[in-house]
């Protein structure tokens, strides 16, 4: 299954990650009024070939009888969060927090929290933490797909420019330890750089 072709929304005038993310989510639900969910992706991740099918296959599943699914995360940056915040239990995919590299946002959660998404005063940092807390506090479940459907490759953060990303020791870096290669885009880029221009479109 391939993700559908879509349109692009220019968000350069939004200086805060939280505001830009919420604006994008609002816009996507408005453009596709019958969609049961929208996917929010960061631009510094690489994906498994079947990422879209695996992520969307989780839509509608719940862990608790009578529960409501709010968010499905495609990956989580393990190193920092597990070590400093202890909010995740390994091998349990019902979460209290998951980082925001890849989110499937469900419509019922969005509709109930429209006022929160419409705000323009979101703080510059901790958008993912605040969104996950909102889901948990309002009775929605947060799920994490394991193994992850993508891997974070970004080293520079505009939100936290002084944060060390541990270039020499990736075990401490901002990566998902339960992501599994191959990553089709990464392989295509490697081939292109090696001179194989035929893979440029992958």
N, C-alpha and C. Protein backbone atom coordinates (compact mmCIF):
# COMPACT_ATOMS: atom_id res chain seq x y z
N UNK A 1 0.85 -1.19 0.00
CA UNK A 1 0.00 0.00 0.00
C UNK A 1 0.89 1.25 0.00
N UNK A 2 0.56 2.19 -0.87
CA UNK A 2 1.31 3.43 -0.96
C UNK A 2 0.48 4.58 -0.40
N UNK A 3 1.11 5.55 0.25
CA UNK A 3 0.36 6.72 0.72
C UNK A 3 -0.18 7.50 -0.45
N UNK A 4 -1.37 8.07 -0.30
CA UNK A 4 -1.97 8.81 -1.41
C UNK A 4 -1.21 10.08 -1.69
N UNK A 5 -1.22 10.49 -2.96
CA UNK A 5 -0.62 11.77 -3.32
C UNK A 5 -1.44 12.88 -2.69
N UNK A 6 -0.75 13.92 -2.23
CA UNK A 6 -1.44 15.00 -1.53
C UNK A 6 -0.98 16.36 -1.96
N UNK A 7 -1.46 17.35 -1.26
CA UNK A 7 -1.09 18.72 -1.51
C UNK A 7 -0.19 19.20 -0.37
N UNK A 8 0.44 20.32 -0.59
CA UNK A 8 1.38 20.83 0.40
C UNK A 8 0.90 22.18 0.92
N UNK A 9 1.08 22.38 2.21
CA UNK A 9 0.67 23.61 2.87
C UNK A 9 1.91 24.33 3.36
N UNK A 10 2.09 25.58 2.90
CA UNK A 10 3.26 26.36 3.31
C UNK A 10 3.03 26.92 4.71
N UNK A 11 3.96 26.63 5.61
CA UNK A 11 3.80 27.04 7.00
C UNK A 11 4.97 27.88 7.51
N UNK A 12 5.71 28.48 6.61
CA UNK A 12 6.92 29.19 7.02
C UNK A 12 6.64 30.34 7.97
N UNK A 13 5.45 30.90 7.90
CA UNK A 13 5.18 32.05 8.74
C UNK A 13 4.89 31.65 10.20
N UNK A 14 4.77 30.38 10.48
CA UNK A 14 4.58 29.93 11.85
C UNK A 14 5.96 29.66 12.46
N UNK A 15 6.30 30.41 13.48
CA UNK A 15 7.65 30.30 14.05
C UNK A 15 7.74 29.23 15.12
N UNK A 16 6.62 28.71 15.58
CA UNK A 16 6.63 27.72 16.64
C UNK A 16 6.20 26.37 16.10
N UNK A 17 6.92 25.33 16.51
CA UNK A 17 6.61 23.98 16.03
C UNK A 17 5.19 23.59 16.39
N UNK A 18 4.77 23.87 17.61
CA UNK A 18 3.42 23.51 18.05
C UNK A 18 2.34 24.17 17.22
N UNK A 19 2.50 25.47 16.98
CA UNK A 19 1.51 26.19 16.17
C UNK A 19 1.46 25.65 14.75
N UNK A 20 2.63 25.43 14.15
CA UNK A 20 2.68 24.93 12.78
C UNK A 20 2.07 23.54 12.67
N UNK A 21 2.36 22.68 13.63
CA UNK A 21 1.83 21.31 13.61
C UNK A 21 0.32 21.32 13.73
N UNK A 22 -0.20 22.12 14.65
CA UNK A 22 -1.65 22.19 14.84
C UNK A 22 -2.33 22.76 13.61
N UNK A 23 -1.71 23.76 13.00
CA UNK A 23 -2.28 24.36 11.79
C UNK A 23 -2.32 23.33 10.66
N UNK A 24 -1.28 22.52 10.54
CA UNK A 24 -1.24 21.50 9.51
C UNK A 24 -2.33 20.45 9.75
N UNK A 25 -2.50 20.03 10.98
CA UNK A 25 -3.52 19.03 11.32
C UNK A 25 -4.91 19.57 11.01
N UNK A 26 -5.17 20.80 11.40
CA UNK A 26 -6.46 21.42 11.10
C UNK A 26 -6.70 21.47 9.60
N UNK A 27 -5.70 21.89 8.86
CA UNK A 27 -5.84 22.04 7.42
C UNK A 27 -6.11 20.69 6.74
N UNK A 28 -5.41 19.65 7.17
CA UNK A 28 -5.59 18.33 6.58
C UNK A 28 -7.00 17.80 6.83
N UNK A 29 -7.50 17.96 8.05
CA UNK A 29 -8.86 17.49 8.33
C UNK A 29 -9.89 18.31 7.55
N UNK A 30 -9.62 19.57 7.32
CA UNK A 30 -10.54 20.40 6.54
C UNK A 30 -10.53 20.00 5.08
N UNK A 31 -9.35 19.67 4.54
CA UNK A 31 -9.26 19.29 3.13
C UNK A 31 -9.88 17.92 2.86
N UNK A 32 -9.78 17.03 3.84
CA UNK A 32 -10.34 15.69 3.70
C UNK A 32 -11.38 15.46 4.81
N UNK A 33 -12.58 16.01 4.62
CA UNK A 33 -13.59 16.01 5.70
C UNK A 33 -14.11 14.64 6.08
N UNK A 34 -13.92 13.63 5.23
CA UNK A 34 -14.39 12.28 5.57
C UNK A 34 -13.27 11.39 6.12
N UNK A 35 -12.06 11.91 6.18
CA UNK A 35 -10.93 11.11 6.67
C UNK A 35 -11.07 10.85 8.15
N UNK A 36 -10.77 9.62 8.55
CA UNK A 36 -10.86 9.24 9.95
C UNK A 36 -9.60 9.63 10.72
N UNK A 37 -8.56 10.03 10.00
CA UNK A 37 -7.32 10.44 10.66
C UNK A 37 -6.39 11.08 9.65
N UNK A 38 -5.41 11.81 10.15
CA UNK A 38 -4.37 12.40 9.29
C UNK A 38 -3.01 12.05 9.88
N UNK A 39 -1.99 12.06 9.02
CA UNK A 39 -0.65 11.68 9.44
C UNK A 39 0.25 12.91 9.45
N UNK A 40 0.89 13.13 10.57
CA UNK A 40 1.83 14.24 10.75
C UNK A 40 3.24 13.66 10.78
N UNK A 41 4.09 14.11 9.84
CA UNK A 41 5.44 13.57 9.72
C UNK A 41 6.47 14.69 9.85
N UNK A 42 7.60 14.39 10.48
CA UNK A 42 8.73 15.29 10.46
C UNK A 42 9.58 14.99 9.22
N UNK A 43 10.41 15.96 8.86
CA UNK A 43 11.15 15.81 7.61
C UNK A 43 12.53 15.20 7.77
N UNK A 44 12.88 14.79 8.98
CA UNK A 44 14.21 14.19 9.20
C UNK A 44 14.10 12.74 9.66
N UNK A 45 13.21 11.99 8.97
CA UNK A 45 13.07 10.57 9.24
C UNK A 45 13.15 9.80 7.93
N UNK A 46 13.55 8.53 8.01
CA UNK A 46 13.53 7.62 6.86
C UNK A 46 12.62 6.46 7.21
N UNK A 47 12.00 5.86 6.18
CA UNK A 47 10.89 4.95 6.40
C UNK A 47 11.18 3.54 5.90
N UNK A 48 10.54 2.56 6.56
CA UNK A 48 10.45 1.22 5.99
C UNK A 48 9.50 1.26 4.79
N UNK A 49 9.66 0.31 3.89
CA UNK A 49 8.84 0.30 2.67
C UNK A 49 7.34 0.20 2.98
N UNK A 50 6.99 -0.51 4.04
CA UNK A 50 5.58 -0.75 4.35
C UNK A 50 5.07 0.14 5.48
N UNK A 51 5.72 1.28 5.69
CA UNK A 51 5.40 2.13 6.84
C UNK A 51 3.94 2.57 6.86
N UNK A 52 3.41 2.96 5.70
CA UNK A 52 2.05 3.48 5.64
C UNK A 52 1.02 2.40 5.96
N UNK A 53 1.20 1.22 5.41
CA UNK A 53 0.28 0.12 5.67
C UNK A 53 0.30 -0.28 7.14
N UNK A 54 1.48 -0.35 7.73
CA UNK A 54 1.60 -0.75 9.13
C UNK A 54 1.03 0.30 10.07
N UNK A 55 1.26 1.57 9.76
CA UNK A 55 0.74 2.64 10.62
C UNK A 55 -0.78 2.70 10.56
N UNK A 56 -1.34 2.71 9.37
CA UNK A 56 -2.79 2.85 9.23
C UNK A 56 -3.53 1.58 9.65
N UNK A 57 -2.86 0.43 9.67
CA UNK A 57 -3.50 -0.81 10.12
C UNK A 57 -3.87 -0.74 11.60
N UNK A 58 -3.25 0.17 12.33
CA UNK A 58 -3.54 0.30 13.76
C UNK A 58 -4.76 1.16 14.03
N UNK A 59 -5.24 1.86 13.02
CA UNK A 59 -6.37 2.78 13.23
C UNK A 59 -7.59 2.05 13.76
N UNK A 60 -8.14 2.57 14.82
CA UNK A 60 -9.36 2.02 15.39
C UNK A 60 -9.18 0.97 16.45
N UNK A 61 -7.97 0.48 16.63
CA UNK A 61 -7.74 -0.53 17.66
C UNK A 61 -7.68 0.12 19.04
N UNK A 62 -8.16 -0.59 20.04
CA UNK A 62 -8.10 -0.09 21.41
C UNK A 62 -7.64 -1.21 22.32
N UNK A 63 -7.01 -0.84 23.43
CA UNK A 63 -6.53 -1.81 24.39
C UNK A 63 -7.53 -2.05 25.51
N UNK A 64 -8.32 -1.04 25.81
CA UNK A 64 -9.28 -1.16 26.91
C UNK A 64 -10.69 -1.19 26.37
N UNK A 65 -11.52 -2.04 26.95
CA UNK A 65 -12.90 -2.12 26.52
C UNK A 65 -13.57 -0.75 26.68
N UNK A 66 -14.20 -0.30 25.62
CA UNK A 66 -14.84 1.01 25.65
C UNK A 66 -13.86 2.16 25.45
N UNK A 67 -12.61 1.84 25.13
CA UNK A 67 -11.61 2.88 24.97
C UNK A 67 -11.73 3.60 23.64
N UNK A 68 -10.99 4.69 23.53
CA UNK A 68 -10.99 5.50 22.31
C UNK A 68 -9.54 5.80 21.94
N UNK A 69 -9.21 5.55 20.69
CA UNK A 69 -7.85 5.78 20.22
C UNK A 69 -7.69 7.24 19.81
N UNK A 70 -6.65 7.89 20.33
CA UNK A 70 -6.41 9.29 19.99
C UNK A 70 -5.25 9.48 19.04
N UNK A 71 -4.13 8.79 19.32
CA UNK A 71 -2.93 8.94 18.52
C UNK A 71 -2.29 7.58 18.30
N UNK A 72 -1.68 7.40 17.14
CA UNK A 72 -0.83 6.25 16.87
C UNK A 72 0.53 6.80 16.47
N UNK A 73 1.57 6.44 17.21
CA UNK A 73 2.92 6.90 16.91
C UNK A 73 3.66 5.83 16.13
N UNK A 74 4.37 6.27 15.08
CA UNK A 74 5.12 5.34 14.26
C UNK A 74 6.50 5.04 14.77
N UNK A 75 7.00 5.87 15.67
CA UNK A 75 8.31 5.63 16.30
C UNK A 75 8.41 6.44 17.57
N UNK A 76 9.49 6.21 18.29
CA UNK A 76 9.75 6.95 19.52
C UNK A 76 11.26 7.06 19.68
N UNK A 77 11.74 8.24 20.06
CA UNK A 77 13.17 8.42 20.34
C UNK A 77 13.44 7.84 21.71
N UNK A 78 14.08 6.69 21.74
CA UNK A 78 14.20 5.95 22.99
C UNK A 78 15.26 6.49 23.95
N UNK A 79 16.43 6.84 23.44
CA UNK A 79 17.57 7.08 24.30
C UNK A 79 17.34 8.08 25.40
N UNK A 80 16.87 9.26 25.05
CA UNK A 80 16.69 10.32 26.04
C UNK A 80 15.49 10.04 26.92
N UNK A 81 14.37 9.68 26.31
CA UNK A 81 13.13 9.55 27.08
C UNK A 81 13.18 8.42 28.09
N UNK A 82 13.67 7.28 27.69
CA UNK A 82 13.72 6.15 28.62
C UNK A 82 14.65 6.43 29.79
N UNK A 83 15.75 7.10 29.49
CA UNK A 83 16.75 7.29 30.53
C UNK A 83 16.35 8.37 31.53
N UNK A 84 15.70 9.43 31.06
CA UNK A 84 15.46 10.57 31.94
C UNK A 84 14.04 10.69 32.44
N UNK A 85 13.08 10.07 31.75
CA UNK A 85 11.70 10.30 32.15
C UNK A 85 10.97 9.02 32.54
N UNK A 86 11.45 7.90 32.08
CA UNK A 86 10.89 6.63 32.52
C UNK A 86 9.40 6.48 32.27
N UNK A 87 8.90 7.01 31.16
CA UNK A 87 7.47 6.98 30.93
C UNK A 87 7.02 5.83 30.04
N UNK A 88 7.95 5.01 29.62
CA UNK A 88 7.57 3.96 28.69
C UNK A 88 7.96 2.59 29.25
N UNK A 89 7.06 1.65 29.15
CA UNK A 89 7.35 0.27 29.54
C UNK A 89 7.68 -0.51 28.28
N UNK A 90 8.86 -1.10 28.23
CA UNK A 90 9.27 -1.84 27.04
C UNK A 90 8.29 -2.96 26.71
N UNK A 91 8.06 -3.13 25.42
CA UNK A 91 7.20 -4.19 24.87
C UNK A 91 5.72 -3.98 25.20
N UNK A 92 5.37 -2.80 25.69
CA UNK A 92 3.96 -2.48 25.90
C UNK A 92 3.63 -1.33 24.97
N UNK A 93 2.73 -1.55 24.01
CA UNK A 93 2.49 -0.53 23.01
C UNK A 93 1.37 0.43 23.38
N UNK A 94 0.85 0.36 24.58
CA UNK A 94 -0.08 1.37 25.07
C UNK A 94 0.76 2.38 25.85
N UNK A 95 0.84 3.62 25.35
CA UNK A 95 1.84 4.55 25.82
C UNK A 95 1.25 5.72 26.60
N UNK A 96 2.12 6.38 27.36
CA UNK A 96 1.79 7.68 27.93
C UNK A 96 2.46 8.81 27.18
N UNK A 97 3.56 8.49 26.48
CA UNK A 97 4.25 9.50 25.69
C UNK A 97 5.01 8.83 24.56
N UNK A 98 4.99 9.44 23.37
CA UNK A 98 5.81 9.02 22.25
C UNK A 98 6.19 10.26 21.47
N UNK A 99 7.42 10.34 21.03
CA UNK A 99 7.90 11.53 20.33
C UNK A 99 7.21 11.68 18.97
N UNK A 100 7.30 12.88 18.40
CA UNK A 100 6.40 13.29 17.32
C UNK A 100 6.96 13.14 15.93
N UNK A 101 7.86 12.18 15.68
CA UNK A 101 8.38 12.03 14.32
C UNK A 101 7.31 11.56 13.34
N UNK A 102 6.36 10.78 13.83
CA UNK A 102 5.36 10.18 12.94
C UNK A 102 4.10 9.90 13.76
N UNK A 103 3.06 10.71 13.56
CA UNK A 103 1.81 10.55 14.29
C UNK A 103 0.66 10.32 13.31
N UNK A 104 -0.20 9.37 13.66
CA UNK A 104 -1.51 9.28 13.05
C UNK A 104 -2.49 9.87 14.07
N UNK A 105 -3.09 11.00 13.71
CA UNK A 105 -4.02 11.70 14.61
C UNK A 105 -5.43 11.31 14.22
N UNK A 106 -6.17 10.73 15.15
CA UNK A 106 -7.53 10.27 14.85
C UNK A 106 -8.54 11.40 14.95
N UNK A 107 -9.53 11.36 14.06
CA UNK A 107 -10.52 12.43 14.00
C UNK A 107 -11.31 12.62 15.30
N UNK A 108 -11.79 11.56 15.96
CA UNK A 108 -12.56 11.80 17.19
C UNK A 108 -11.78 12.61 18.23
N UNK A 109 -10.48 12.34 18.36
CA UNK A 109 -9.64 13.12 19.27
C UNK A 109 -9.55 14.57 18.81
N UNK A 110 -9.32 14.77 17.51
CA UNK A 110 -9.24 16.13 16.98
C UNK A 110 -10.54 16.88 17.19
N UNK A 111 -11.66 16.25 16.87
CA UNK A 111 -12.95 16.93 16.98
C UNK A 111 -13.25 17.34 18.41
N UNK A 112 -12.92 16.46 19.35
CA UNK A 112 -13.19 16.79 20.75
C UNK A 112 -12.28 17.90 21.27
N UNK A 113 -11.09 18.01 20.69
CA UNK A 113 -10.11 18.98 21.19
C UNK A 113 -9.83 20.09 20.17
N UNK A 114 -10.83 20.45 19.37
CA UNK A 114 -10.64 21.48 18.35
C UNK A 114 -10.10 22.78 18.93
N UNK A 115 -10.60 23.16 20.10
CA UNK A 115 -10.16 24.42 20.69
C UNK A 115 -8.67 24.40 20.99
N UNK A 116 -8.15 23.25 21.41
CA UNK A 116 -6.70 23.15 21.70
C UNK A 116 -5.91 23.26 20.41
N UNK A 117 -6.34 22.59 19.36
CA UNK A 117 -5.61 22.64 18.10
C UNK A 117 -5.68 24.03 17.47
N UNK A 118 -6.75 24.77 17.75
CA UNK A 118 -6.93 26.10 17.16
C UNK A 118 -6.11 27.18 17.88
N UNK A 119 -5.54 26.86 19.01
CA UNK A 119 -4.75 27.85 19.75
C UNK A 119 -3.54 28.31 18.92
N UNK A 120 -3.10 29.52 19.15
CA UNK A 120 -1.90 30.05 18.49
C UNK A 120 -0.82 30.41 19.49
N UNK A 121 -0.97 29.92 20.72
CA UNK A 121 0.00 30.25 21.77
C UNK A 121 0.73 29.02 22.29
N UNK A 122 0.84 27.98 21.47
CA UNK A 122 1.56 26.78 21.90
C UNK A 122 3.02 27.11 22.13
N UNK A 123 3.60 26.52 23.17
CA UNK A 123 5.00 26.78 23.45
C UNK A 123 5.89 26.20 22.36
N UNK A 124 7.07 26.77 22.23
CA UNK A 124 7.99 26.38 21.16
C UNK A 124 8.47 24.94 21.34
N UNK A 125 8.67 24.52 22.59
CA UNK A 125 9.15 23.18 22.87
C UNK A 125 8.01 22.31 23.36
N UNK A 126 8.27 20.99 23.36
CA UNK A 126 7.38 20.01 24.00
C UNK A 126 6.01 19.88 23.36
N UNK A 127 5.90 20.13 22.06
CA UNK A 127 4.62 19.91 21.40
C UNK A 127 4.16 18.47 21.56
N UNK A 128 5.07 17.50 21.33
CA UNK A 128 4.68 16.10 21.43
C UNK A 128 4.27 15.73 22.85
N UNK A 129 5.00 16.22 23.82
CA UNK A 129 4.67 15.92 25.21
C UNK A 129 3.30 16.50 25.60
N UNK A 130 3.04 17.71 25.17
CA UNK A 130 1.77 18.35 25.49
C UNK A 130 0.60 17.67 24.78
N UNK A 131 0.81 17.25 23.53
CA UNK A 131 -0.25 16.58 22.78
C UNK A 131 -0.56 15.22 23.41
N UNK A 132 0.46 14.48 23.78
CA UNK A 132 0.24 13.17 24.40
C UNK A 132 -0.44 13.31 25.76
N UNK A 133 -0.05 14.32 26.50
CA UNK A 133 -0.69 14.56 27.80
C UNK A 133 -2.15 14.91 27.62
N UNK A 134 -2.45 15.71 26.59
CA UNK A 134 -3.83 16.06 26.31
C UNK A 134 -4.65 14.82 26.01
N UNK A 135 -4.11 13.94 25.18
CA UNK A 135 -4.83 12.71 24.85
C UNK A 135 -5.09 11.88 26.10
N UNK A 136 -4.05 11.70 26.91
CA UNK A 136 -4.19 10.89 28.11
C UNK A 136 -5.18 11.50 29.10
N UNK A 137 -5.09 12.81 29.29
CA UNK A 137 -5.95 13.48 30.27
C UNK A 137 -7.41 13.50 29.86
N UNK A 138 -7.68 13.35 28.57
CA UNK A 138 -9.06 13.40 28.09
C UNK A 138 -9.60 12.01 27.73
N UNK A 139 -8.88 10.97 28.15
CA UNK A 139 -9.40 9.62 28.02
C UNK A 139 -9.12 8.91 26.71
N UNK A 140 -8.19 9.44 25.90
CA UNK A 140 -7.85 8.80 24.64
C UNK A 140 -6.56 7.99 24.78
N UNK A 141 -6.50 6.87 24.07
CA UNK A 141 -5.32 6.02 24.10
C UNK A 141 -4.27 6.49 23.11
N UNK A 142 -3.01 6.31 23.48
CA UNK A 142 -1.88 6.56 22.61
C UNK A 142 -1.19 5.23 22.34
N UNK A 143 -1.07 4.86 21.07
CA UNK A 143 -0.47 3.59 20.68
C UNK A 143 0.87 3.83 20.00
N UNK A 144 1.75 2.85 20.11
CA UNK A 144 3.06 2.90 19.46
C UNK A 144 3.25 1.63 18.64
N UNK A 145 3.60 1.79 17.37
CA UNK A 145 3.84 0.64 16.49
C UNK A 145 5.25 0.12 16.72
N UNK A 146 5.38 -1.15 17.06
CA UNK A 146 6.68 -1.78 17.31
C UNK A 146 6.77 -3.06 16.48
N UNK A 147 7.86 -3.27 15.72
CA UNK A 147 8.98 -2.36 15.49
C UNK A 147 8.51 -1.06 14.84
N UNK A 148 9.30 -0.01 15.00
CA UNK A 148 8.93 1.29 14.48
C UNK A 148 8.85 1.26 12.96
N UNK A 149 8.08 2.18 12.40
CA UNK A 149 7.92 2.24 10.95
C UNK A 149 8.93 3.17 10.29
N UNK A 150 9.71 3.89 11.10
CA UNK A 150 10.68 4.84 10.56
C UNK A 150 11.79 5.05 11.57
N UNK A 151 12.82 5.76 11.14
CA UNK A 151 13.97 6.06 12.00
C UNK A 151 14.32 7.54 11.89
N UNK A 152 14.65 8.14 13.02
CA UNK A 152 15.04 9.55 13.06
C UNK A 152 16.51 9.69 12.67
N UNK A 153 16.80 10.62 11.76
CA UNK A 153 18.18 10.80 11.31
C UNK A 153 18.68 12.22 11.54
N UNK A 154 17.84 13.08 12.13
CA UNK A 154 18.22 14.48 12.31
C UNK A 154 19.24 14.67 13.42
N UNK A 155 20.20 15.55 13.18
CA UNK A 155 21.20 15.87 14.19
C UNK A 155 21.04 17.28 14.73
N UNK A 156 20.45 18.17 13.96
CA UNK A 156 20.34 19.56 14.35
C UNK A 156 18.90 19.87 14.72
N UNK A 157 18.71 20.54 15.85
CA UNK A 157 17.38 20.91 16.30
C UNK A 157 17.25 22.42 16.33
N UNK A 158 16.27 22.95 15.61
CA UNK A 158 16.00 24.38 15.68
C UNK A 158 15.33 24.74 16.99
N UNK A 159 14.65 23.77 17.60
CA UNK A 159 13.96 24.01 18.87
C UNK A 159 14.94 23.99 20.03
N UNK A 160 15.90 23.05 19.98
CA UNK A 160 16.89 22.93 21.05
C UNK A 160 18.29 22.95 20.43
N UNK A 161 18.76 24.11 19.98
CA UNK A 161 20.02 24.17 19.24
C UNK A 161 21.24 23.81 20.06
N UNK A 162 21.16 23.88 21.40
CA UNK A 162 22.32 23.56 22.22
C UNK A 162 22.37 22.10 22.65
N UNK A 163 21.36 21.33 22.27
CA UNK A 163 21.29 19.94 22.71
C UNK A 163 22.30 19.09 21.96
N UNK A 164 23.05 18.28 22.70
CA UNK A 164 24.01 17.37 22.07
C UNK A 164 23.27 16.17 21.50
N UNK A 165 23.63 15.80 20.28
CA UNK A 165 22.99 14.67 19.63
C UNK A 165 23.89 13.44 19.59
N UNK A 166 25.00 13.47 20.30
CA UNK A 166 25.85 12.29 20.47
C UNK A 166 26.23 11.67 19.12
N UNK A 167 26.91 12.44 18.29
CA UNK A 167 27.30 11.95 16.98
C UNK A 167 28.23 10.73 17.06
N UNK A 168 29.06 10.67 18.10
CA UNK A 168 30.04 9.60 18.19
C UNK A 168 29.49 8.34 18.85
N UNK A 169 28.44 8.47 19.61
CA UNK A 169 27.87 7.32 20.31
C UNK A 169 26.37 7.32 20.07
N UNK A 170 25.95 6.63 19.02
CA UNK A 170 24.54 6.67 18.65
C UNK A 170 23.65 5.99 19.67
N UNK A 171 24.22 5.19 20.55
CA UNK A 171 23.40 4.54 21.57
C UNK A 171 22.78 5.57 22.50
N UNK A 172 23.38 6.76 22.58
CA UNK A 172 22.84 7.83 23.40
C UNK A 172 22.12 8.88 22.56
N UNK A 173 22.03 8.67 21.26
CA UNK A 173 21.51 9.68 20.36
C UNK A 173 20.00 9.67 20.25
N UNK A 174 19.53 10.57 19.41
CA UNK A 174 18.09 10.74 19.22
C UNK A 174 17.61 9.78 18.12
N UNK A 175 17.61 8.50 18.45
CA UNK A 175 17.18 7.48 17.50
C UNK A 175 16.16 6.56 18.17
N UNK A 176 15.50 5.76 17.34
CA UNK A 176 14.59 4.75 17.86
C UNK A 176 15.28 3.41 17.85
N UNK A 177 15.52 2.83 19.02
CA UNK A 177 16.27 1.58 19.09
C UNK A 177 15.45 0.38 18.61
N UNK A 178 14.15 0.54 18.44
CA UNK A 178 13.33 -0.56 17.96
C UNK A 178 12.87 -0.34 16.51
N UNK A 179 13.61 0.50 15.79
CA UNK A 179 13.42 0.62 14.34
C UNK A 179 14.26 -0.46 13.67
N UNK A 180 13.79 -0.96 12.54
CA UNK A 180 14.47 -2.05 11.86
C UNK A 180 14.68 -1.71 10.39
N UNK A 181 15.94 -1.68 9.91
CA UNK A 181 16.17 -1.48 8.49
C UNK A 181 15.67 -2.69 7.70
N UNK A 182 15.55 -2.57 6.37
CA UNK A 182 16.07 -1.48 5.54
C UNK A 182 15.09 -0.31 5.46
N UNK A 183 15.65 0.84 5.15
CA UNK A 183 14.88 2.06 4.93
C UNK A 183 15.01 2.39 3.44
N UNK A 184 13.91 2.31 2.74
CA UNK A 184 13.99 2.38 1.27
C UNK A 184 14.48 3.73 0.77
N UNK A 185 14.09 4.80 1.42
CA UNK A 185 14.53 6.11 0.97
C UNK A 185 16.03 6.27 1.21
N UNK A 186 16.50 5.80 2.36
CA UNK A 186 17.92 5.90 2.67
C UNK A 186 18.74 5.14 1.64
N UNK A 187 18.29 3.96 1.24
CA UNK A 187 19.03 3.18 0.26
C UNK A 187 19.03 3.88 -1.10
N UNK A 188 17.91 4.51 -1.43
CA UNK A 188 17.84 5.23 -2.69
C UNK A 188 18.80 6.41 -2.71
N UNK A 189 18.85 7.12 -1.62
CA UNK A 189 19.77 8.26 -1.54
C UNK A 189 21.21 7.77 -1.65
N UNK A 190 21.53 6.67 -1.00
CA UNK A 190 22.89 6.14 -1.08
C UNK A 190 23.25 5.77 -2.53
N UNK A 191 22.30 5.16 -3.24
CA UNK A 191 22.55 4.80 -4.62
C UNK A 191 22.73 6.03 -5.50
N UNK A 192 21.91 7.04 -5.25
CA UNK A 192 22.03 8.26 -6.04
C UNK A 192 23.39 8.93 -5.83
N UNK A 193 23.82 8.98 -4.58
CA UNK A 193 25.11 9.60 -4.29
C UNK A 193 26.26 8.79 -4.89
N UNK A 194 26.03 7.48 -5.05
CA UNK A 194 27.08 6.63 -5.63
C UNK A 194 27.11 6.72 -7.16
N UNK A 195 26.16 7.47 -7.72
CA UNK A 195 26.17 7.68 -9.17
C UNK A 195 25.05 6.97 -9.91
N UNK A 196 24.19 6.24 -9.19
CA UNK A 196 23.08 5.55 -9.83
C UNK A 196 21.88 6.50 -9.88
N UNK A 197 21.77 7.27 -10.94
CA UNK A 197 20.73 8.29 -11.03
C UNK A 197 19.33 7.69 -11.22
N UNK A 198 19.25 6.39 -11.54
CA UNK A 198 17.95 5.77 -11.78
C UNK A 198 17.14 5.67 -10.51
N UNK A 199 17.77 5.74 -9.33
CA UNK A 199 17.01 5.60 -8.10
C UNK A 199 16.61 6.94 -7.53
N UNK A 200 16.83 8.00 -8.27
CA UNK A 200 16.57 9.34 -7.75
C UNK A 200 15.11 9.57 -7.40
N UNK A 201 14.22 8.83 -8.07
CA UNK A 201 12.79 9.07 -7.85
C UNK A 201 12.20 8.23 -6.74
N UNK A 202 13.00 7.42 -6.06
CA UNK A 202 12.42 6.52 -5.07
C UNK A 202 11.99 7.27 -3.82
